[in-house]
Amino acid sequence: MIRILKGFPKNALGVSHVGHVSAEDYAHILLPEIEKRIRRYGNVRLLVRISDDFQGFEPGAIWSDAKLGLRHWLDFSRLALVSDLRWLRDSTLFFGAFFPHPLKVFADDEFEAARAWLLKEESA
């Protein structure tokens, strides 16, 4: 399941992945929230936290994640991943090298640092 995290400004979105994440979670929870912010603000900052009780992605969820990223390739201004899962951290850093926006990976105990980095204003 994907849960929306509270305490983020309207041009940013914080989400937590818990238990099994499905394609329906993307279609009914994540995608509408992202698209609402993109329509209103032009782009969005996204923080994804993978919780300790995360049990994995259902096969359709991986495809939904890829489609979301491709559909909104230029609509993100920053992306922060918070997770202690080594394989996820490593794959995010690998694929993040191809992203057109800043991406940073944080350990679970660095959640507040991730949030601060995500919301930090760009220096002129």
PDB file of N, CA and C in Angstrom:
ATOM      1  N   MET A   1       0.842  -1.176   0.000  1.00  0.00           N
ATOM      2  CA  MET A   1       0.000   0.000   0.000  1.00  0.00           C
ATOM      3  C   MET A   1       0.885   1.236   0.000  1.00  0.00           C
ATOM      4  N   ILE A   2       0.387   2.274  -0.640  1.00  0.00           N
ATOM      5  CA  ILE A   2       1.051   3.569  -0.632  1.00  0.00           C
ATOM      6  C   ILE A   2       0.237   4.495   0.260  1.00  0.00           C
ATOM      7  N   ARG A   3       0.918   5.141   1.194  1.00  0.00           N
ATOM      8  CA  ARG A   3       0.263   6.093   2.094  1.00  0.00           C
ATOM      9  C   ARG A   3       0.847   7.480   1.848  1.00  0.00           C
ATOM     10  N   ILE A   4      -0.023   8.475   1.856  1.00  0.00           N
ATOM     11  CA  ILE A   4       0.401   9.868   1.730  1.00  0.00           C
ATOM     12  C   ILE A   4       0.850  10.349   3.104  1.00  0.00           C
ATOM     13  N   LEU A   5       2.038  10.949   3.176  1.00  0.00           N
ATOM     14  CA  LEU A   5       2.563  11.479   4.428  1.00  0.00           C
ATOM     15  C   LEU A   5       2.098  12.913   4.622  1.00  0.00           C
ATOM     16  N   LYS A   6       1.818  13.262   5.834  1.00  0.00           N
ATOM     17  CA  LYS A   6       1.368  14.615   6.190  1.00  0.00           C
ATOM     18  C   LYS A   6       2.575  15.531   6.406  1.00  0.00           C
ATOM     19  N   GLY A   7       2.332  16.838   6.363  1.00  0.00           N
ATOM     20  CA  GLY A   7       3.353  17.807   6.723  1.00  0.00           C
ATOM     21  C   GLY A   7       4.236  18.276   5.580  1.00  0.00           C
ATOM     22  N   PHE A   8       3.793  18.101   4.340  1.00  0.00           N
ATOM     23  CA  PHE A   8       4.556  18.565   3.193  1.00  0.00           C
ATOM     24  C   PHE A   8       3.810  19.734   2.548  1.00  0.00           C
ATOM     25  N   PRO A   9       4.558  20.700   2.001  1.00  0.00           N
ATOM     26  CA  PRO A   9       3.872  21.795   1.299  1.00  0.00           C
ATOM     27  C   PRO A   9       3.163  21.262   0.050  1.00  0.00           C
ATOM     28  N   LYS A  10       2.298  22.081  -0.511  1.00  0.00           N
ATOM     29  CA  LYS A  10       1.455  21.618  -1.609  1.00  0.00           C
ATOM     30  C   LYS A  10       2.223  21.283  -2.889  1.00  0.00           C
ATOM     31  N   ASN A  11       3.419  21.835  -3.071  1.00  0.00           N
ATOM     32  CA  ASN A  11       4.201  21.524  -4.270  1.00  0.00           C
ATOM     33  C   ASN A  11       5.146  20.338  -4.046  1.00  0.00           C
ATOM     34  N   ALA A  12       4.953  19.648  -2.946  1.00  0.00           N
ATOM     35  CA  ALA A  12       5.771  18.476  -2.622  1.00  0.00           C
ATOM     36  C   ALA A  12       4.845  17.358  -2.167  1.00  0.00           C
ATOM     37  N   LEU A  13       5.349  16.151  -2.297  1.00  0.00           N
ATOM     38  CA  LEU A  13       4.557  15.000  -1.896  1.00  0.00           C
ATOM     39  C   LEU A  13       5.467  14.010  -1.189  1.00  0.00           C
ATOM     40  N   GLY A  14       5.039  13.586  -0.026  1.00  0.00           N
ATOM     41  CA  GLY A  14       5.727  12.529   0.704  1.00  0.00           C
ATOM     42  C   GLY A  14       4.839  11.307   0.733  1.00  0.00           C
ATOM     43  N   VAL A  15       5.401  10.150   0.390  1.00  0.00           N
ATOM     44  CA  VAL A  15       4.638   8.908   0.408  1.00  0.00           C
ATOM     45  C   VAL A  15       5.456   7.831   1.113  1.00  0.00           C
ATOM     46  N   SER A  16       4.737   6.867   1.666  1.00  0.00           N
ATOM     47  CA  SER A  16       5.365   5.727   2.315  1.00  0.00           C
ATOM     48  C   SER A  16       4.835   4.458   1.672  1.00  0.00           C
ATOM     49  N   HIS A  17       5.731   3.543   1.360  1.00  0.00           N
ATOM     50  CA  HIS A  17       5.353   2.241   0.822  1.00  0.00           C
ATOM     51  C   HIS A  17       5.394   1.243   1.977  1.00  0.00           C
ATOM     52  N   VAL A  18       4.243   0.624   2.247  1.00  0.00           N
ATOM     53  CA  VAL A  18       4.137  -0.349   3.334  1.00  0.00           C
ATOM     54  C   VAL A  18       3.490  -1.622   2.803  1.00  0.00           C
ATOM     55  N   GLY A  19       3.849  -2.743   3.385  1.00  0.00           N
ATOM     56  CA  GLY A  19       3.268  -4.010   2.958  1.00  0.00           C
ATOM     57  C   GLY A  19       3.543  -4.262   1.489  1.00  0.00           C
ATOM     58  N   HIS A  20       2.562  -4.801   0.784  1.00  0.00           N
ATOM     59  CA  HIS A  20       2.660  -5.030  -0.659  1.00  0.00           C
ATOM     60  C   HIS A  20       2.172  -3.784  -1.393  1.00  0.00           C
ATOM     61  N   VAL A  21       2.915  -3.342  -2.388  1.00  0.00           N
ATOM     62  CA  VAL A  21       2.522  -2.200  -3.204  1.00  0.00           C
ATOM     63  C   VAL A  21       2.024  -2.733  -4.538  1.00  0.00           C
ATOM     64  N   SER A  22       0.823  -2.293  -4.936  1.00  0.00           N
ATOM     65  CA  SER A  22       0.195  -2.812  -6.154  1.00  0.00           C
ATOM     66  C   SER A  22       0.075  -1.734  -7.228  1.00  0.00           C
ATOM     67  N   ALA A  23      -0.250  -2.171  -8.435  1.00  0.00           N
ATOM     68  CA  ALA A  23      -0.511  -1.241  -9.529  1.00  0.00           C
ATOM     69  C   ALA A  23      -1.701  -0.347  -9.186  1.00  0.00           C
ATOM     70  N   GLU A  24      -2.667  -0.892  -8.466  1.00  0.00           N
ATOM     71  CA  GLU A  24      -3.829  -0.109  -8.060  1.00  0.00           C
ATOM     72  C   GLU A  24      -3.435   1.026  -7.113  1.00  0.00           C
ATOM     73  N   ASP A  25      -2.429   0.786  -6.269  1.00  0.00           N
ATOM     74  CA  ASP A  25      -1.938   1.847  -5.387  1.00  0.00           C
ATOM     75  C   ASP A  25      -1.418   3.022  -6.209  1.00  0.00           C
ATOM     76  N   TYR A  26      -0.705   2.695  -7.286  1.00  0.00           N
ATOM     77  CA  TYR A  26      -0.205   3.757  -8.168  1.00  0.00           C
ATOM     78  C   TYR A  26      -1.377   4.469  -8.841  1.00  0.00           C
ATOM     79  N   ALA A  27      -2.307   3.701  -9.396  1.00  0.00           N
ATOM     80  CA  ALA A  27      -3.417   4.266 -10.158  1.00  0.00           C
ATOM     81  C   ALA A  27      -4.372   5.087  -9.309  1.00  0.00           C
ATOM     82  N   HIS A  28      -4.619   4.668  -8.079  1.00  0.00           N
ATOM     83  CA  HIS A  28      -5.649   5.309  -7.267  1.00  0.00           C
ATOM     84  C   HIS A  28      -5.126   6.228  -6.174  1.00  0.00           C
ATOM     85  N   ILE A  29      -3.851   6.108  -5.840  1.00  0.00           N
ATOM     86  CA  ILE A  29      -3.304   6.930  -4.750  1.00  0.00           C
ATOM     87  C   ILE A  29      -2.197   7.860  -5.261  1.00  0.00           C
ATOM     88  N   LEU A  30      -1.113   7.281  -5.788  1.00  0.00           N
ATOM     89  CA  LEU A  30       0.061   8.088  -6.123  1.00  0.00           C
ATOM     90  C   LEU A  30      -0.142   8.955  -7.359  1.00  0.00           C
ATOM     91  N   LEU A  31      -0.571   8.372  -8.455  1.00  0.00           N
ATOM     92  CA  LEU A  31      -0.706   9.118  -9.702  1.00  0.00           C
ATOM     93  C   LEU A  31      -1.667  10.311  -9.582  1.00  0.00           C
ATOM     94  N   PRO A  32      -2.857  10.149  -8.994  1.00  0.00           N
ATOM     95  CA  PRO A  32      -3.732  11.324  -8.859  1.00  0.00           C
ATOM     96  C   PRO A  32      -3.114  12.452  -8.029  1.00  0.00           C
ATOM     97  N   GLU A  33      -2.403  12.090  -6.965  1.00  0.00           N
ATOM     98  CA  GLU A  33      -1.771  13.117  -6.125  1.00  0.00           C
ATOM     99  C   GLU A  33      -0.663  13.845  -6.876  1.00  0.00           C
ATOM    100  N   ILE A  34       0.150  13.112  -7.608  1.00  0.00           N
ATOM    101  CA  ILE A  34       1.226  13.742  -8.381  1.00  0.00           C
ATOM    102  C   ILE A  34       0.644  14.636  -9.467  1.00  0.00           C
ATOM    103  N   GLU A  35      -0.317  14.127 -10.199  1.00  0.00           N
ATOM    104  CA  GLU A  35      -0.872  14.904 -11.307  1.00  0.00           C
ATOM    105  C   GLU A  35      -1.605  16.153 -10.823  1.00  0.00           C
ATOM    106  N   LYS A  36      -2.247  16.084  -9.675  1.00  0.00           N
ATOM    107  CA  LYS A  36      -2.902  17.261  -9.101  1.00  0.00           C
ATOM    108  C   LYS A  36      -1.868  18.350  -8.818  1.00  0.00           C
ATOM    109  N   ARG A  37      -0.756  17.979  -8.247  1.00  0.00           N
ATOM    110  CA  ARG A  37       0.285  18.962  -7.927  1.00  0.00           C
ATOM    111  C   ARG A  37       0.958  19.492  -9.191  1.00  0.00           C
ATOM    112  N   ILE A  38       1.179  18.646 -10.173  1.00  0.00           N
ATOM    113  CA  ILE A  38       1.790  19.086 -11.430  1.00  0.00           C
ATOM    114  C   ILE A  38       0.884  20.098 -12.124  1.00  0.00           C
ATOM    115  N   ARG A  39      -0.420  19.831 -12.170  1.00  0.00           N
ATOM    116  CA  ARG A  39      -1.356  20.777 -12.796  1.00  0.00           C
ATOM    117  C   ARG A  39      -1.319  22.135 -12.085  1.00  0.00           C
ATOM    118  N   ARG A  40      -1.212  22.104 -10.790  1.00  0.00           N
ATOM    119  CA  ARG A  40      -1.270  23.347 -10.017  1.00  0.00           C
ATOM    120  C   ARG A  40       0.073  24.079  -9.959  1.00  0.00           C
ATOM    121  N   TYR A  41       1.176  23.348  -9.844  1.00  0.00           N
ATOM    122  CA  TYR A  41       2.474  23.987  -9.593  1.00  0.00           C
ATOM    123  C   TYR A  41       3.501  23.792 -10.707  1.00  0.00           C
ATOM    124  N   GLY A  42       3.203  22.999 -11.711  1.00  0.00           N
ATOM    125  CA  GLY A  42       4.130  22.812 -12.826  1.00  0.00           C
ATOM    126  C   GLY A  42       5.108  21.675 -12.633  1.00  0.00           C
ATOM    127  N   ASN A  43       5.497  21.427 -11.413  1.00  0.00           N
ATOM    128  CA  ASN A  43       6.344  20.276 -11.102  1.00  0.00           C
ATOM    129  C   ASN A  43       6.161  19.929  -9.633  1.00  0.00           C
ATOM    130  N   VAL A  44       6.762  18.852  -9.224  1.00  0.00           N
ATOM    131  CA  VAL A  44       6.565  18.383  -7.855  1.00  0.00           C
ATOM    132  C   VAL A  44       7.872  17.823  -7.309  1.00  0.00           C
ATOM    133  N   ARG A  45       8.032  17.988  -6.028  1.00  0.00           N
ATOM    134  CA  ARG A  45       9.125  17.353  -5.293  1.00  0.00           C
ATOM    135  C   ARG A  45       8.542  16.113  -4.636  1.00  0.00           C
ATOM    136  N   LEU A  46       9.266  15.004  -4.715  1.00  0.00           N
ATOM    137  CA  LEU A  46       8.725  13.740  -4.228  1.00  0.00           C
ATOM    138  C   LEU A  46       9.693  13.064  -3.271  1.00  0.00           C
ATOM    139  N   LEU A  47       9.178  12.699  -2.102  1.00  0.00           N
ATOM    140  CA  LEU A  47       9.923  11.896  -1.132  1.00  0.00           C
ATOM    141  C   LEU A  47       9.205  10.553  -1.020  1.00  0.00           C
ATOM    142  N   VAL A  48       9.955   9.480  -1.237  1.00  0.00           N
ATOM    143  CA  VAL A  48       9.415   8.125  -1.126  1.00  0.00           C
ATOM    144  C   VAL A  48      10.131   7.437   0.025  1.00  0.00           C
ATOM    145  N   ARG A  49       9.353   7.008   1.014  1.00  0.00           N
ATOM    146  CA  ARG A  49       9.906   6.286   2.158  1.00  0.00           C
ATOM    147  C   ARG A  49       9.445   4.832   2.063  1.00  0.00           C
ATOM    148  N   ILE A  50      10.395   3.927   2.082  1.00  0.00           N
ATOM    149  CA  ILE A  50      10.099   2.499   2.073  1.00  0.00           C
ATOM    150  C   ILE A  50      10.184   2.036   3.511  1.00  0.00           C
ATOM    151  N   SER A  51       9.036   1.702   4.098  1.00  0.00           N
ATOM    152  CA  SER A  51       8.973   1.394   5.521  1.00  0.00           C
ATOM    153  C   SER A  51       9.587   0.035   5.851  1.00  0.00           C
ATOM    154  N   ASP A  52       9.806  -0.180   7.127  1.00  0.00           N
ATOM    155  CA  ASP A  52      10.379  -1.452   7.589  1.00  0.00           C
ATOM    156  C   ASP A  52       9.478  -2.641   7.281  1.00  0.00           C
ATOM    157  N   ASP A  53       8.171  -2.404   7.213  1.00  0.00           N
ATOM    158  CA  ASP A  53       7.267  -3.522   6.947  1.00  0.00           C
ATOM    159  C   ASP A  53       6.924  -3.671   5.457  1.00  0.00           C
ATOM    160  N   PHE A  54       7.704  -3.036   4.590  1.00  0.00           N
ATOM    161  CA  PHE A  54       7.542  -3.185   3.150  1.00  0.00           C
ATOM    162  C   PHE A  54       7.804  -4.640   2.778  1.00  0.00           C
ATOM    163  N   GLN A  55       6.875  -5.230   2.016  1.00  0.00           N
ATOM    164  CA  GLN A  55       7.000  -6.638   1.641  1.00  0.00           C
ATOM    165  C   GLN A  55       7.253  -6.842   0.161  1.00  0.00           C
ATOM    166  N   GLY A  56       7.253  -5.773  -0.612  1.00  0.00           N
ATOM    167  CA  GLY A  56       7.588  -5.890  -2.020  1.00  0.00           C
ATOM    168  C   GLY A  56       6.552  -5.279  -2.941  1.00  0.00           C
ATOM    169  N   PHE A  57       6.942  -5.197  -4.195  1.00  0.00           N
ATOM    170  CA  PHE A  57       6.075  -4.691  -5.245  1.00  0.00           C
ATOM    171  C   PHE A  57       5.398  -5.859  -5.936  1.00  0.00           C
ATOM    172  N   GLU A  58       4.105  -5.753  -6.155  1.00  0.00           N
ATOM    173  CA  GLU A  58       3.442  -6.717  -7.022  1.00  0.00           C
ATOM    174  C   GLU A  58       3.934  -6.437  -8.442  1.00  0.00           C
ATOM    175  N   PRO A  59       3.971  -7.448  -9.318  1.00  0.00           N
ATOM    176  CA  PRO A  59       4.538  -7.240 -10.657  1.00  0.00           C
ATOM    177  C   PRO A  59       3.984  -6.018 -11.391  1.00  0.00           C
ATOM    178  N   GLY A  60       2.696  -5.785 -11.326  1.00  0.00           N
ATOM    179  CA  GLY A  60       2.116  -4.631 -12.007  1.00  0.00           C
ATOM    180  C   GLY A  60       2.574  -3.303 -11.436  1.00  0.00           C
ATOM    181  N   ALA A  61       2.987  -3.288 -10.180  1.00  0.00           N
ATOM    182  CA  ALA A  61       3.434  -2.049  -9.548  1.00  0.00           C
ATOM    183  C   ALA A  61       4.756  -1.576 -10.133  1.00  0.00           C
ATOM    184  N   ILE A  62       5.620  -2.500 -10.475  1.00  0.00           N
ATOM    185  CA  ILE A  62       6.909  -2.127 -11.066  1.00  0.00           C
ATOM    186  C   ILE A  62       6.667  -1.450 -12.410  1.00  0.00           C
ATOM    187  N   TRP A  63       5.772  -2.018 -13.198  1.00  0.00           N
ATOM    188  CA  TRP A  63       5.426  -1.428 -14.494  1.00  0.00           C
ATOM    189  C   TRP A  63       4.750  -0.064 -14.291  1.00  0.00           C
ATOM    190  N   SER A  64       3.875   0.057 -13.304  1.00  0.00           N
ATOM    191  CA  SER A  64       3.213   1.330 -13.020  1.00  0.00           C
ATOM    192  C   SER A  64       4.218   2.395 -12.612  1.00  0.00           C
ATOM    193  N   ASP A  65       5.231   2.002 -11.844  1.00  0.00           N
ATOM    194  CA  ASP A  65       6.265   2.933 -11.429  1.00  0.00           C
ATOM    195  C   ASP A  65       7.055   3.434 -12.635  1.00  0.00           C
ATOM    196  N   ALA A  66       7.399   2.519 -13.526  1.00  0.00           N
ATOM    197  CA  ALA A  66       8.135   2.902 -14.732  1.00  0.00           C
ATOM    198  C   ALA A  66       7.310   3.846 -15.604  1.00  0.00           C
ATOM    199  N   LYS A  67       6.027   3.529 -15.791  1.00  0.00           N
ATOM    200  CA  LYS A  67       5.158   4.389 -16.603  1.00  0.00           C
ATOM    201  C   LYS A  67       5.009   5.772 -15.975  1.00  0.00           C
ATOM    202  N   LEU A  68       4.872   5.827 -14.657  1.00  0.00           N
ATOM    203  CA  LEU A  68       4.755   7.099 -13.964  1.00  0.00           C
ATOM    204  C   LEU A  68       5.998   7.950 -14.212  1.00  0.00           C
ATOM    205  N   GLY A  69       7.158   7.352 -14.057  1.00  0.00           N
ATOM    206  CA  GLY A  69       8.404   8.079 -14.268  1.00  0.00           C
ATOM    207  C   GLY A  69       8.576   8.568 -15.693  1.00  0.00           C
ATOM    208  N   LEU A  70       8.205   7.740 -16.662  1.00  0.00           N
ATOM    209  CA  LEU A  70       8.336   8.140 -18.067  1.00  0.00           C
ATOM    210  C   LEU A  70       7.311   9.204 -18.446  1.00  0.00           C
ATOM    211  N   ARG A  71       6.090   9.051 -17.971  1.00  0.00           N
ATOM    212  CA  ARG A  71       5.026  10.013 -18.299  1.00  0.00           C
ATOM    213  C   ARG A  71       5.344  11.397 -17.737  1.00  0.00           C
ATOM    214  N   HIS A  72       5.978  11.426 -16.579  1.00  0.00           N
ATOM    215  CA  HIS A  72       6.253  12.703 -15.910  1.00  0.00           C
ATOM    216  C   HIS A  72       7.753  12.960 -15.782  1.00  0.00           C
ATOM    217  N   TRP A  73       8.498  12.539 -16.765  1.00  0.00           N
ATOM    218  CA  TRP A  73       9.969  12.614 -16.764  1.00  0.00           C
ATOM    219  C   TRP A  73      10.485  13.993 -16.359  1.00  0.00           C
ATOM    220  N   LEU A  74       9.886  15.035 -16.894  1.00  0.00           N
ATOM    221  CA  LEU A  74      10.368  16.394 -16.632  1.00  0.00           C
ATOM    222  C   LEU A  74       9.529  17.141 -15.589  1.00  0.00           C
ATOM    223  N   ASP A  75       8.623  16.455 -14.944  1.00  0.00           N
ATOM    224  CA  ASP A  75       7.705  17.106 -14.013  1.00  0.00           C
ATOM    225  C   ASP A  75       8.137  17.044 -12.553  1.00  0.00           C
ATOM    226  N   PHE A  76       9.269  16.449 -12.284  1.00  0.00           N
ATOM    227  CA  PHE A  76       9.790  16.398 -10.919  1.00  0.00           C
ATOM    228  C   PHE A  76      10.934  17.381 -10.806  1.00  0.00           C
ATOM    229  N   SER A  77      11.007  18.091  -9.681  1.00  0.00           N
ATOM    230  CA  SER A  77      12.147  18.982  -9.474  1.00  0.00           C
ATOM    231  C   SER A  77      13.174  18.377  -8.521  1.00  0.00           C
ATOM    232  N   ARG A  78      12.735  17.448  -7.677  1.00  0.00           N
ATOM    233  CA  ARG A  78      13.635  16.727  -6.772  1.00  0.00           C
ATOM    234  C   ARG A  78      12.994  15.413  -6.379  1.00  0.00           C
ATOM    235  N   LEU A  79      13.842  14.441  -6.093  1.00  0.00           N
ATOM    236  CA  LEU A  79      13.349  13.154  -5.621  1.00  0.00           C
ATOM    237  C   LEU A  79      14.259  12.660  -4.511  1.00  0.00           C
ATOM    238  N   ALA A  80      13.657  12.295  -3.380  1.00  0.00           N
ATOM    239  CA  ALA A  80      14.400  11.726  -2.255  1.00  0.00           C
ATOM    240  C   ALA A  80      13.841  10.336  -1.969  1.00  0.00           C
ATOM    241  N   LEU A  81      14.724   9.368  -1.835  1.00  0.00           N
ATOM    242  CA  LEU A  81      14.348   8.019  -1.432  1.00  0.00           C
ATOM    243  C   LEU A  81      14.884   7.793  -0.030  1.00  0.00           C
ATOM    244  N   VAL A  82      14.019   7.308   0.863  1.00  0.00           N
ATOM    245  CA  VAL A  82      14.413   6.985   2.228  1.00  0.00           C
ATOM    246  C   VAL A  82      14.183   5.497   2.421  1.00  0.00           C
ATOM    247  N   SER A  83      15.282   4.763   2.589  1.00  0.00           N
ATOM    248  CA  SER A  83      15.172   3.310   2.733  1.00  0.00           C
ATOM    249  C   SER A  83      16.478   2.734   3.256  1.00  0.00           C
ATOM    250  N   ASP A  84      16.343   1.634   3.966  1.00  0.00           N
ATOM    251  CA  ASP A  84      17.520   0.876   4.384  1.00  0.00           C
ATOM    252  C   ASP A  84      17.742  -0.352   3.505  1.00  0.00           C
ATOM    253  N   LEU A  85      16.892  -0.555   2.502  1.00  0.00           N
ATOM    254  CA  LEU A  85      17.038  -1.707   1.610  1.00  0.00           C
ATOM    255  C   LEU A  85      18.159  -1.443   0.603  1.00  0.00           C
ATOM    256  N   ARG A  86      19.231  -2.188   0.744  1.00  0.00           N
ATOM    257  CA  ARG A  86      20.429  -1.951  -0.067  1.00  0.00           C
ATOM    258  C   ARG A  86      20.159  -2.057  -1.566  1.00  0.00           C
ATOM    259  N   TRP A  87      19.408  -3.094  -1.989  1.00  0.00           N
ATOM    260  CA  TRP A  87      19.152  -3.276  -3.418  1.00  0.00           C
ATOM    261  C   TRP A  87      18.365  -2.104  -3.995  1.00  0.00           C
ATOM    262  N   LEU A  88      17.462  -1.547  -3.215  1.00  0.00           N
ATOM    263  CA  LEU A  88      16.658  -0.428  -3.682  1.00  0.00           C
ATOM    264  C   LEU A  88      17.484   0.854  -3.723  1.00  0.00           C
ATOM    265  N   ARG A  89      18.289   1.039  -2.723  1.00  0.00           N
ATOM    266  CA  ARG A  89      19.171   2.210  -2.687  1.00  0.00           C
ATOM    267  C   ARG A  89      20.131   2.179  -3.872  1.00  0.00           C
ATOM    268  N   ASP A  90      20.754   1.019  -4.106  1.00  0.00           N
ATOM    269  CA  ASP A  90      21.720   0.887  -5.202  1.00  0.00           C
ATOM    270  C   ASP A  90      21.070   1.072  -6.567  1.00  0.00           C
ATOM    271  N   SER A  91      19.920   0.453  -6.782  1.00  0.00           N
ATOM    272  CA  SER A  91      19.264   0.586  -8.088  1.00  0.00           C
ATOM    273  C   SER A  91      18.773   2.015  -8.312  1.00  0.00           C
ATOM    274  N   THR A  92      18.315   2.678  -7.259  1.00  0.00           N
ATOM    275  CA  THR A  92      17.874   4.072  -7.391  1.00  0.00           C
ATOM    276  C   THR A  92      19.051   4.963  -7.755  1.00  0.00           C
ATOM    277  N   LEU A  93      20.182   4.767  -7.122  1.00  0.00           N
ATOM    278  CA  LEU A  93      21.363   5.567  -7.455  1.00  0.00           C
ATOM    279  C   LEU A  93      21.829   5.300  -8.879  1.00  0.00           C
ATOM    280  N   PHE A  94      21.771   4.045  -9.316  1.00  0.00           N
ATOM    281  CA  PHE A  94      22.186   3.710 -10.677  1.00  0.00           C
ATOM    282  C   PHE A  94      21.281   4.407 -11.694  1.00  0.00           C
ATOM    283  N   PHE A  95      19.973   4.195 -11.576  1.00  0.00           N
ATOM    284  CA  PHE A  95      19.045   4.781 -12.542  1.00  0.00           C
ATOM    285  C   PHE A  95      18.921   6.291 -12.362  1.00  0.00           C
ATOM    286  N   GLY A  96      19.159   6.768 -11.158  1.00  0.00           N
ATOM    287  CA  GLY A  96      19.096   8.202 -10.897  1.00  0.00           C
ATOM    288  C   GLY A  96      20.109   9.006 -11.677  1.00  0.00           C
ATOM    289  N   ALA A  97      21.188   8.370 -12.102  1.00  0.00           N
ATOM    290  CA  ALA A  97      22.193   9.060 -12.904  1.00  0.00           C
ATOM    291  C   ALA A  97      21.609   9.531 -14.239  1.00  0.00           C
ATOM    292  N   PHE A  98      20.513   8.940 -14.667  1.00  0.00           N
ATOM    293  CA  PHE A  98      19.888   9.300 -15.934  1.00  0.00           C
ATOM    294  C   PHE A  98      18.734  10.297 -15.767  1.00  0.00           C
ATOM    295  N   PHE A  99      18.368  10.607 -14.549  1.00  0.00           N
ATOM    296  CA  PHE A  99      17.237  11.495 -14.294  1.00  0.00           C
ATOM    297  C   PHE A  99      17.638  12.943 -14.553  1.00  0.00           C
ATOM    298  N   PRO A 100      16.705  13.762 -15.034  1.00  0.00           N
ATOM    299  CA  PRO A 100      17.015  15.171 -15.302  1.00  0.00           C
ATOM    300  C   PRO A 100      16.873  16.071 -14.073  1.00  0.00           C
ATOM    301  N   HIS A 101      16.636  15.481 -12.907  1.00  0.00           N
ATOM    302  CA  HIS A 101      16.432  16.265 -11.695  1.00  0.00           C
ATOM    303  C   HIS A 101      17.319  15.713 -10.588  1.00  0.00           C
ATOM    304  N   PRO A 102      17.597  16.514  -9.560  1.00  0.00           N
ATOM    305  CA  PRO A 102      18.390  16.020  -8.442  1.00  0.00           C
ATOM    306  C   PRO A 102      17.684  14.867  -7.724  1.00  0.00           C
ATOM    307  N   LEU A 103      18.468  13.883  -7.364  1.00  0.00           N
ATOM    308  CA  LEU A 103      17.973  12.723  -6.630  1.00  0.00           C
ATOM    309  C   LEU A 103      18.979  12.406  -5.535  1.00  0.00           C
ATOM    310  N   LYS A 104      18.458  12.089  -4.375  1.00  0.00           N
ATOM    311  CA  LYS A 104      19.323  11.739  -3.258  1.00  0.00           C
ATOM    312  C   LYS A 104      18.697  10.580  -2.495  1.00  0.00           C
ATOM    313  N   VAL A 105      19.561   9.694  -1.985  1.00  0.00           N
ATOM    314  CA  VAL A 105      19.121   8.525  -1.225  1.00  0.00           C
ATOM    315  C   VAL A 105      19.548   8.698   0.226  1.00  0.00           C
ATOM    316  N   PHE A 106      18.632   8.374   1.131  1.00  0.00           N
ATOM    317  CA  PHE A 106      18.870   8.523   2.561  1.00  0.00           C
ATOM    318  C   PHE A 106      18.526   7.225   3.280  1.00  0.00           C
ATOM    319  N   ALA A 107      19.206   6.975   4.387  1.00  0.00           N
ATOM    320  CA  ALA A 107      18.861   5.843   5.257  1.00  0.00           C
ATOM    321  C   ALA A 107      17.585   6.193   6.015  1.00  0.00           C
ATOM    322  N   ASP A 108      16.925   5.168   6.533  1.00  0.00           N
ATOM    323  CA  ASP A 108      15.656   5.380   7.220  1.00  0.00           C
ATOM    324  C   ASP A 108      15.783   6.344   8.401  1.00  0.00           C
ATOM    325  N   ASP A 109      16.879   6.275   9.119  1.00  0.00           N
ATOM    326  CA  ASP A 109      17.036   7.177  10.268  1.00  0.00           C
ATOM    327  C   ASP A 109      17.406   8.604   9.848  1.00  0.00           C
ATOM    328  N   GLU A 110      17.497   8.856   8.550  1.00  0.00           N
ATOM    329  CA  GLU A 110      17.788  10.190   8.029  1.00  0.00           C
ATOM    330  C   GLU A 110      16.538  10.842   7.411  1.00  0.00           C
ATOM    331  N   PHE A 111      15.367  10.380   7.822  1.00  0.00           N
ATOM    332  CA  PHE A 111      14.126  10.889   7.234  1.00  0.00           C
ATOM    333  C   PHE A 111      14.038  12.408   7.306  1.00  0.00           C
ATOM    334  N   GLU A 112      14.322  12.992   8.448  1.00  0.00           N
ATOM    335  CA  GLU A 112      14.213  14.450   8.590  1.00  0.00           C
ATOM    336  C   GLU A 112      15.217  15.170   7.703  1.00  0.00           C
ATOM    337  N   ALA A 113      16.411  14.619   7.543  1.00  0.00           N
ATOM    338  CA  ALA A 113      17.400  15.210   6.634  1.00  0.00           C
ATOM    339  C   ALA A 113      16.912  15.113   5.188  1.00  0.00           C
ATOM    340  N   ALA A 114      16.277  14.010   4.839  1.00  0.00           N
ATOM    341  CA  ALA A 114      15.730  13.844   3.492  1.00  0.00           C
ATOM    342  C   ALA A 114      14.641  14.880   3.236  1.00  0.00           C
ATOM    343  N   ARG A 115      13.764  15.050   4.210  1.00  0.00           N
ATOM    344  CA  ARG A 115      12.678  16.028   4.074  1.00  0.00           C
ATOM    345  C   ARG A 115      13.257  17.428   3.927  1.00  0.00           C
ATOM    346  N   ALA A 116      14.256  17.774   4.730  1.00  0.00           N
ATOM    347  CA  ALA A 116      14.879  19.099   4.662  1.00  0.00           C
ATOM    348  C   ALA A 116      15.537  19.313   3.297  1.00  0.00           C
ATOM    349  N   TRP A 117      16.250  18.309   2.802  1.00  0.00           N
ATOM    350  CA  TRP A 117      16.887  18.425   1.490  1.00  0.00           C
ATOM    351  C   TRP A 117      15.833  18.602   0.391  1.00  0.00           C
ATOM    352  N   LEU A 118      14.774  17.828   0.463  1.00  0.00           N
ATOM    353  CA  LEU A 118      13.727  17.896  -0.551  1.00  0.00           C
ATOM    354  C   LEU A 118      13.108  19.280  -0.610  1.00  0.00           C
ATOM    355  N   LEU A 119      12.916  19.899   0.542  1.00  0.00           N
ATOM    356  CA  LEU A 119      12.215  21.179   0.613  1.00  0.00           C
ATOM    357  C   LEU A 119      13.156  22.382   0.523  1.00  0.00           C
ATOM    358  N   LYS A 120      14.461  22.134   0.531  1.00  0.00           N
ATOM    359  CA  LYS A 120      15.440  23.220   0.459  1.00  0.00           C
ATOM    360  C   LYS A 120      15.266  23.980  -0.847  1.00  0.00           C
ATOM    361  N   GLU A 121      15.301  25.277  -0.743  1.00  0.00           N
ATOM    362  CA  GLU A 121      15.201  26.119  -1.942  1.00  0.00           C
ATOM    363  C   GLU A 121      16.511  26.064  -2.722  1.00  0.00           C
ATOM    364  N   GLU A 122      16.370  26.112  -4.031  1.00  0.00           N
ATOM    365  CA  GLU A 122      17.545  26.128  -4.898  1.00  0.00           C
ATOM    366  C   GLU A 122      18.274  27.456  -4.693  1.00  0.00           C
ATOM    367  N   SER A 123      19.593  27.424  -4.682  1.00  0.00           N
ATOM    368  CA  SER A 123      20.353  28.680  -4.566  1.00  0.00           C
ATOM    369  C   SER A 123      20.466  29.318  -5.939  1.00  0.00           C
ATOM    370  N   ALA A 124      20.366  30.631  -5.949  1.00  0.00           N
ATOM    371  CA  ALA A 124      20.380  31.366  -7.226  1.00  0.00           C
ATOM    372  C   ALA A 124      21.774  31.577  -7.737  1.00  0.00           C
TER     373      ALA A 124
END
